[in-house]
Amino acid sequence: QVQLVDSGGGLVHAGGSLRLSCAASARPFSTSAMVWFRQSPGEDREFAAAISSRGVTYYADSVKDRFTISRDNAKNTVYLQMNSLRPEDTAVYYCGAGGRVVTAPRGYDYWGQGTQVTVSS
């Protein structure tokens, strides 16, 4: 069973940056696709970024050129570097793990607890 712990959220002003981290259980990490979704109150969980087991990255249009997803297999950790943050980026961000990259949350069986990102105007 994959276990994920995500962290790094906080309160920043518009234009600021945050780096989210997701620490995964050791054995399945290197062969898992990793993803970040985000969810605002009253909204569906929305795809933000993903990285395949081979390191290929995917981004939602809303975050492309501002967010960067990366993974460090030696540390069993995936990161989401978020730059040029906007108030509309405010959400709870969730790390997920699955067998391949998909953009629907039902494609991932394991999730972190979520970390709050708040961007003030």
C-alpha atoms as a PDB file:
ATOM      1  CA  GLN A   1       0.000   0.000   0.000  1.00  0.00           C
ATOM      2  CA  VAL A   2       1.316   3.439  -0.983  1.00  0.00           C
ATOM      3  CA  GLN A   3       1.428   5.970   1.847  1.00  0.00           C
ATOM      4  CA  LEU A   4       1.778   9.674   1.067  1.00  0.00           C
ATOM      5  CA  VAL A   5       2.391  12.712   3.259  1.00  0.00           C
ATOM      6  CA  ASP A   6       2.163  16.112   1.592  1.00  0.00           C
ATOM      7  CA  SER A   7       3.337  19.395   3.067  1.00  0.00           C
ATOM      8  CA  GLY A   8       4.639  22.864   2.265  1.00  0.00           C
ATOM      9  CA  GLY A   9       1.471  24.895   1.920  1.00  0.00           C
ATOM     10  CA  GLY A  10       1.037  28.306   3.435  1.00  0.00           C
ATOM     11  CA  LEU A  11      -0.094  31.878   2.960  1.00  0.00           C
ATOM     12  CA  VAL A  12       1.624  34.019   0.331  1.00  0.00           C
ATOM     13  CA  HIS A  13       0.927  37.237  -1.535  1.00  0.00           C
ATOM     14  CA  ALA A  14       0.085  37.209  -5.220  1.00  0.00           C
ATOM     15  CA  GLY A  15       3.267  36.805  -7.228  1.00  0.00           C
ATOM     16  CA  GLY A  16       4.963  34.782  -4.519  1.00  0.00           C
ATOM     17  CA  SER A  17       6.218  31.213  -4.527  1.00  0.00           C
ATOM     18  CA  LEU A  18       5.773  28.001  -2.569  1.00  0.00           C
ATOM     19  CA  ARG A  19       7.258  24.536  -2.875  1.00  0.00           C
ATOM     20  CA  LEU A  20       5.064  21.590  -1.958  1.00  0.00           C
ATOM     21  CA  SER A  21       6.539  18.222  -1.037  1.00  0.00           C
ATOM     22  CA  CYS A  22       5.038  14.745  -1.001  1.00  0.00           C
ATOM     23  CA  ALA A  23       6.906  11.947   0.743  1.00  0.00           C
ATOM     24  CA  ALA A  24       5.953   8.452  -0.414  1.00  0.00           C
ATOM     25  CA  SER A  25       6.557   4.952   0.889  1.00  0.00           C
ATOM     26  CA  ALA A  26       9.842   3.651  -0.427  1.00  0.00           C
ATOM     27  CA  ARG A  27       9.119   0.465  -2.374  1.00  0.00           C
ATOM     28  CA  PRO A  28       6.475   1.593  -4.898  1.00  0.00           C
ATOM     29  CA  PHE A  29       7.711   5.153  -5.392  1.00  0.00           C
ATOM     30  CA  SER A  30      10.120   4.703  -8.303  1.00  0.00           C
ATOM     31  CA  THR A  31       7.533   2.884 -10.445  1.00  0.00           C
ATOM     32  CA  SER A  32       4.573   5.142  -9.644  1.00  0.00           C
ATOM     33  CA  ALA A  33       3.130   8.039 -11.548  1.00  0.00           C
ATOM     34  CA  MET A  34       2.775  10.975  -9.180  1.00  0.00           C
ATOM     35  CA  VAL A  35       0.239  13.762  -9.416  1.00  0.00           C
ATOM     36  CA  TRP A  36      -0.890  16.962  -7.774  1.00  0.00           C
ATOM     37  CA  PHE A  37      -4.580  17.827  -7.726  1.00  0.00           C
ATOM     38  CA  ARG A  38      -6.154  20.827  -6.083  1.00  0.00           C
ATOM     39  CA  GLN A  39      -9.606  21.477  -4.684  1.00  0.00           C
ATOM     40  CA  SER A  40     -11.371  24.678  -3.685  1.00  0.00           C
ATOM     41  CA  PRO A  41     -14.479  24.716  -1.459  1.00  0.00           C
ATOM     42  CA  GLY A  42     -17.535  23.621  -3.407  1.00  0.00           C
ATOM     43  CA  GLU A  43     -15.467  22.599  -6.437  1.00  0.00           C
ATOM     44  CA  ASP A  44     -14.371  19.270  -7.899  1.00  0.00           C
ATOM     45  CA  ARG A  45     -10.835  18.105  -7.465  1.00  0.00           C
ATOM     46  CA  GLU A  46      -8.839  19.576 -10.378  1.00  0.00           C
ATOM     47  CA  PHE A  47      -5.738  18.194 -12.084  1.00  0.00           C
ATOM     48  CA  ALA A  48      -2.700  20.441 -11.747  1.00  0.00           C
ATOM     49  CA  ALA A  49       0.461  18.515 -12.648  1.00  0.00           C
ATOM     50  CA  ALA A  50       1.809  14.975 -12.969  1.00  0.00           C
ATOM     51  CA  ILE A  51       5.082  13.179 -13.509  1.00  0.00           C
ATOM     52  CA  SER A  52       5.490   9.669 -14.879  1.00  0.00           C
ATOM     53  CA  SER A  53       7.810   7.003 -13.527  1.00  0.00           C
ATOM     54  CA  ARG A  54      10.200   7.964 -16.338  1.00  0.00           C
ATOM     55  CA  GLY A  55      10.153  11.648 -15.418  1.00  0.00           C
ATOM     56  CA  VAL A  56       7.847  12.911 -18.167  1.00  0.00           C
ATOM     57  CA  THR A  57       5.828  15.884 -16.907  1.00  0.00           C
ATOM     58  CA  TYR A  58       2.280  17.044 -17.614  1.00  0.00           C
ATOM     59  CA  TYR A  59       0.566  20.292 -16.654  1.00  0.00           C
ATOM     60  CA  ALA A  60      -2.872  21.789 -16.696  1.00  0.00           C
ATOM     61  CA  ASP A  61      -3.071  24.847 -18.924  1.00  0.00           C
ATOM     62  CA  SER A  62      -3.916  26.956 -15.880  1.00  0.00           C
ATOM     63  CA  VAL A  63      -0.522  26.280 -14.259  1.00  0.00           C
ATOM     64  CA  LYS A  64       1.764  25.667 -17.246  1.00  0.00           C
ATOM     65  CA  ASP A  65       4.893  27.877 -17.210  1.00  0.00           C
ATOM     66  CA  ARG A  66       4.305  28.738 -13.545  1.00  0.00           C
ATOM     67  CA  PHE A  67       4.431  25.369 -11.767  1.00  0.00           C
ATOM     68  CA  THR A  68       7.124  22.709 -12.035  1.00  0.00           C
ATOM     69  CA  ILE A  69       6.718  19.123 -10.856  1.00  0.00           C
ATOM     70  CA  SER A  70       9.792  17.027 -10.137  1.00  0.00           C
ATOM     71  CA  ARG A  71      10.731  13.858  -8.318  1.00  0.00           C
ATOM     72  CA  ASP A  72      13.713  12.654  -6.344  1.00  0.00           C
ATOM     73  CA  ASN A  73      13.566   8.878  -6.245  1.00  0.00           C
ATOM     74  CA  ALA A  74      16.461   8.663  -3.794  1.00  0.00           C
ATOM     75  CA  LYS A  75      14.384  10.646  -1.293  1.00  0.00           C
ATOM     76  CA  ASN A  76      11.046   9.050  -2.235  1.00  0.00           C
ATOM     77  CA  THR A  77       9.683  12.555  -2.718  1.00  0.00           C
ATOM     78  CA  VAL A  78       7.807  14.502  -5.367  1.00  0.00           C
ATOM     79  CA  TYR A  79       7.784  18.310  -5.414  1.00  0.00           C
ATOM     80  CA  LEU A  80       5.603  21.021  -6.861  1.00  0.00           C
ATOM     81  CA  GLN A  81       7.391  24.338  -7.268  1.00  0.00           C
ATOM     82  CA  MET A  82       4.763  27.047  -7.623  1.00  0.00           C
ATOM     83  CA  ASN A  83       5.826  30.472  -8.882  1.00  0.00           C
ATOM     84  CA  SER A  84       3.894  33.601  -9.823  1.00  0.00           C
ATOM     85  CA  LEU A  85       1.026  32.505  -7.617  1.00  0.00           C
ATOM     86  CA  ARG A  86      -2.404  33.996  -8.157  1.00  0.00           C
ATOM     87  CA  PRO A  87      -5.427  34.207  -5.844  1.00  0.00           C
ATOM     88  CA  GLU A  88      -7.200  31.656  -8.051  1.00  0.00           C
ATOM     89  CA  ASP A  89      -4.485  29.141  -7.121  1.00  0.00           C
ATOM     90  CA  THR A  90      -5.908  29.099  -3.595  1.00  0.00           C
ATOM     91  CA  ALA A  91      -6.936  25.518  -2.805  1.00  0.00           C
ATOM     92  CA  VAL A  92      -6.087  22.431  -0.843  1.00  0.00           C
ATOM     93  CA  TYR A  93      -3.400  20.611  -2.812  1.00  0.00           C
ATOM     94  CA  TYR A  94      -3.336  16.807  -2.745  1.00  0.00           C
ATOM     95  CA  CYS A  95      -0.572  14.474  -3.823  1.00  0.00           C
ATOM     96  CA  GLY A  96      -1.649  11.215  -5.479  1.00  0.00           C
ATOM     97  CA  ALA A  97       0.020   8.034  -6.719  1.00  0.00           C
ATOM     98  CA  GLY A  98      -0.996   5.551  -9.411  1.00  0.00           C
ATOM     99  CA  GLY A  99       0.223   3.175 -12.074  1.00  0.00           C
ATOM    100  CA  ARG A 100       0.220   5.714 -14.911  1.00  0.00           C
ATOM    101  CA  VAL A 101      -0.446   9.387 -15.551  1.00  0.00           C
ATOM    102  CA  VAL A 102      -4.113  10.277 -15.960  1.00  0.00           C
ATOM    103  CA  THR A 103      -5.953  13.543 -15.378  1.00  0.00           C
ATOM    104  CA  ALA A 104      -8.978  12.134 -13.539  1.00  0.00           C
ATOM    105  CA  PRO A 105      -8.775  11.708  -9.768  1.00  0.00           C
ATOM    106  CA  ARG A 106     -10.405   8.257  -9.982  1.00  0.00           C
ATOM    107  CA  GLY A 107      -7.222   7.056 -11.687  1.00  0.00           C
ATOM    108  CA  TYR A 108      -5.255   7.354  -8.453  1.00  0.00           C
ATOM    109  CA  ASP A 109      -5.699   4.981  -5.546  1.00  0.00           C
ATOM    110  CA  TYR A 110      -3.578   6.734  -2.925  1.00  0.00           C
ATOM    111  CA  TRP A 111      -3.652  10.302  -1.661  1.00  0.00           C
ATOM    112  CA  GLY A 112      -1.921  12.524   0.808  1.00  0.00           C
ATOM    113  CA  GLN A 113      -3.886  14.362   3.468  1.00  0.00           C
ATOM    114  CA  GLY A 114      -3.764  17.674   1.603  1.00  0.00           C
ATOM    115  CA  THR A 115      -1.941  20.928   2.262  1.00  0.00           C
ATOM    116  CA  GLN A 116      -3.587  24.351   2.166  1.00  0.00           C
ATOM    117  CA  VAL A 117      -2.284  27.000  -0.226  1.00  0.00           C
ATOM    118  CA  THR A 118      -3.716  30.489   0.203  1.00  0.00           C
ATOM    119  CA  VAL A 119      -2.734  33.336  -2.118  1.00  0.00           C
ATOM    120  CA  SER A 120      -3.797  36.809  -1.042  1.00  0.00           C
ATOM    121  CA  SER A 121      -4.446  39.639  -3.461  1.00  0.00           C
END
